[in-house]
Amino acid sequence: MQVSDHYDEIVENIAGYRGPQPGVYVLTGPDHQGSVPLGMRQIKVRTRLAVIAIRVLVRGEDDLPGSVSLLSSARYSARKWTSDSG
């Protein structure tokens, strides 16, 4: 999974060639100050908008069912969060 800023600069690659990196990630913009909730990994983005791209390499039709399953299992949500919200 790639995280890019609004200028299309990649700021983080989660997993990819490093293998699975499950966890809870929080994207923080340029105005963020303070800490992030315990157990979350912070990804700093220099713009107020970010893009998340999930890509799966498919090496033929036999890979399609597994790829669809993998993409369907990805979970993400967008929430406005401030350091005051805990």
Protein backbone atom coordinates (compact mmCIF):
# COMPACT_ATOMS: atom_id res chain seq x y z
CA MET A 1 0.00 0.00 0.00
CA GLN A 2 1.40 3.35 -1.01
CA VAL A 3 0.66 6.63 0.74
CA SER A 4 1.24 9.78 -1.29
CA ASP A 5 0.75 13.44 -0.56
CA HIS A 6 -1.33 15.79 -2.72
CA TYR A 7 1.73 16.50 -4.89
CA ASP A 8 1.95 12.75 -5.67
CA GLU A 9 5.15 12.30 -3.70
CA ILE A 10 5.25 8.88 -2.05
CA VAL A 11 5.66 9.35 1.68
CA GLU A 12 5.33 5.70 2.80
CA ASN A 13 5.21 2.18 1.40
CA ILE A 14 3.48 -0.21 3.76
CA ALA A 15 4.39 -3.86 3.11
CA GLY A 16 5.43 -4.37 -0.51
CA TYR A 17 8.86 -5.96 -0.76
CA ARG A 18 9.19 -5.90 3.06
CA GLY A 19 6.30 -8.33 3.47
CA PRO A 20 3.17 -7.95 5.59
CA GLN A 21 3.08 -5.01 7.98
CA PRO A 22 -0.30 -5.25 9.68
CA GLY A 23 -1.25 -2.53 12.08
CA VAL A 24 -3.20 0.61 12.65
CA TYR A 25 -1.78 3.65 10.91
CA VAL A 26 -2.74 7.29 11.31
CA LEU A 27 -1.97 9.87 8.63
CA THR A 28 -1.21 13.29 10.04
CA GLY A 29 -1.13 16.49 8.06
CA PRO A 30 1.18 19.48 8.23
CA ASP A 31 -0.81 21.18 11.01
CA HIS A 32 -0.68 18.20 13.37
CA GLN A 33 1.04 18.72 16.70
CA GLY A 34 1.31 16.32 19.56
CA SER A 35 1.21 12.56 19.81
CA VAL A 36 -0.93 9.89 18.19
CA PRO A 37 -3.03 7.30 20.03
CA LEU A 38 -1.13 4.44 21.63
CA GLY A 39 -0.64 1.50 19.29
CA MET A 40 -0.94 3.53 16.09
CA ARG A 41 1.90 4.18 13.70
CA GLN A 42 2.12 7.78 12.50
CA ILE A 43 2.68 8.60 8.84
CA LYS A 44 3.39 12.30 8.34
CA VAL A 45 2.01 13.84 5.15
CA ARG A 46 3.12 17.34 4.14
CA THR A 47 -0.25 18.22 2.57
CA ARG A 48 -3.79 18.26 3.98
CA LEU A 49 -4.88 15.69 1.39
CA ALA A 50 -3.38 12.24 0.83
CA VAL A 51 -3.87 9.34 -1.56
CA ILE A 52 -3.77 5.67 -0.62
CA ALA A 53 -3.10 3.18 -3.42
CA ILE A 54 -3.35 -0.57 -2.95
CA ARG A 55 -1.65 -2.58 -5.67
CA VAL A 56 -1.40 -6.33 -6.12
CA LEU A 57 0.83 -8.06 -8.66
CA VAL A 58 -1.10 -10.64 -10.68
CA ARG A 59 0.90 -13.14 -12.70
CA GLY A 60 -1.91 -14.71 -14.67
CA GLU A 61 -5.53 -15.79 -14.28
CA ASP A 62 -4.69 -18.29 -11.55
CA ASP A 63 -3.70 -15.35 -9.31
CA LEU A 64 -6.99 -13.49 -9.73
CA PRO A 65 -9.05 -15.19 -6.97
CA GLY A 66 -6.31 -14.68 -4.38
CA SER A 67 -5.75 -11.10 -5.49
CA VAL A 68 -9.45 -10.26 -5.27
CA SER A 69 -9.59 -11.85 -1.82
CA LEU A 70 -6.57 -9.86 -0.67
CA LEU A 71 -7.96 -6.56 -1.95
CA SER A 72 -11.36 -7.30 -0.41
CA SER A 73 -9.78 -7.92 3.00
CA ALA A 74 -8.09 -4.50 3.19
CA ARG A 75 -9.79 -2.26 5.75
CA TYR A 76 -9.42 1.46 6.07
CA SER A 77 -11.51 4.34 7.30
CA ALA A 78 -11.27 8.08 7.14
CA ARG A 79 -11.86 9.99 10.34
CA LYS A 80 -11.10 13.47 11.42
CA TRP A 81 -9.00 13.17 14.52
CA THR A 82 -7.39 15.74 16.74
CA SER A 83 -5.04 15.19 19.64
CA ASP A 84 -7.91 16.37 21.89
CA SER A 85 -10.11 13.45 20.74
CA GLY A 86 -7.92 10.86 22.46
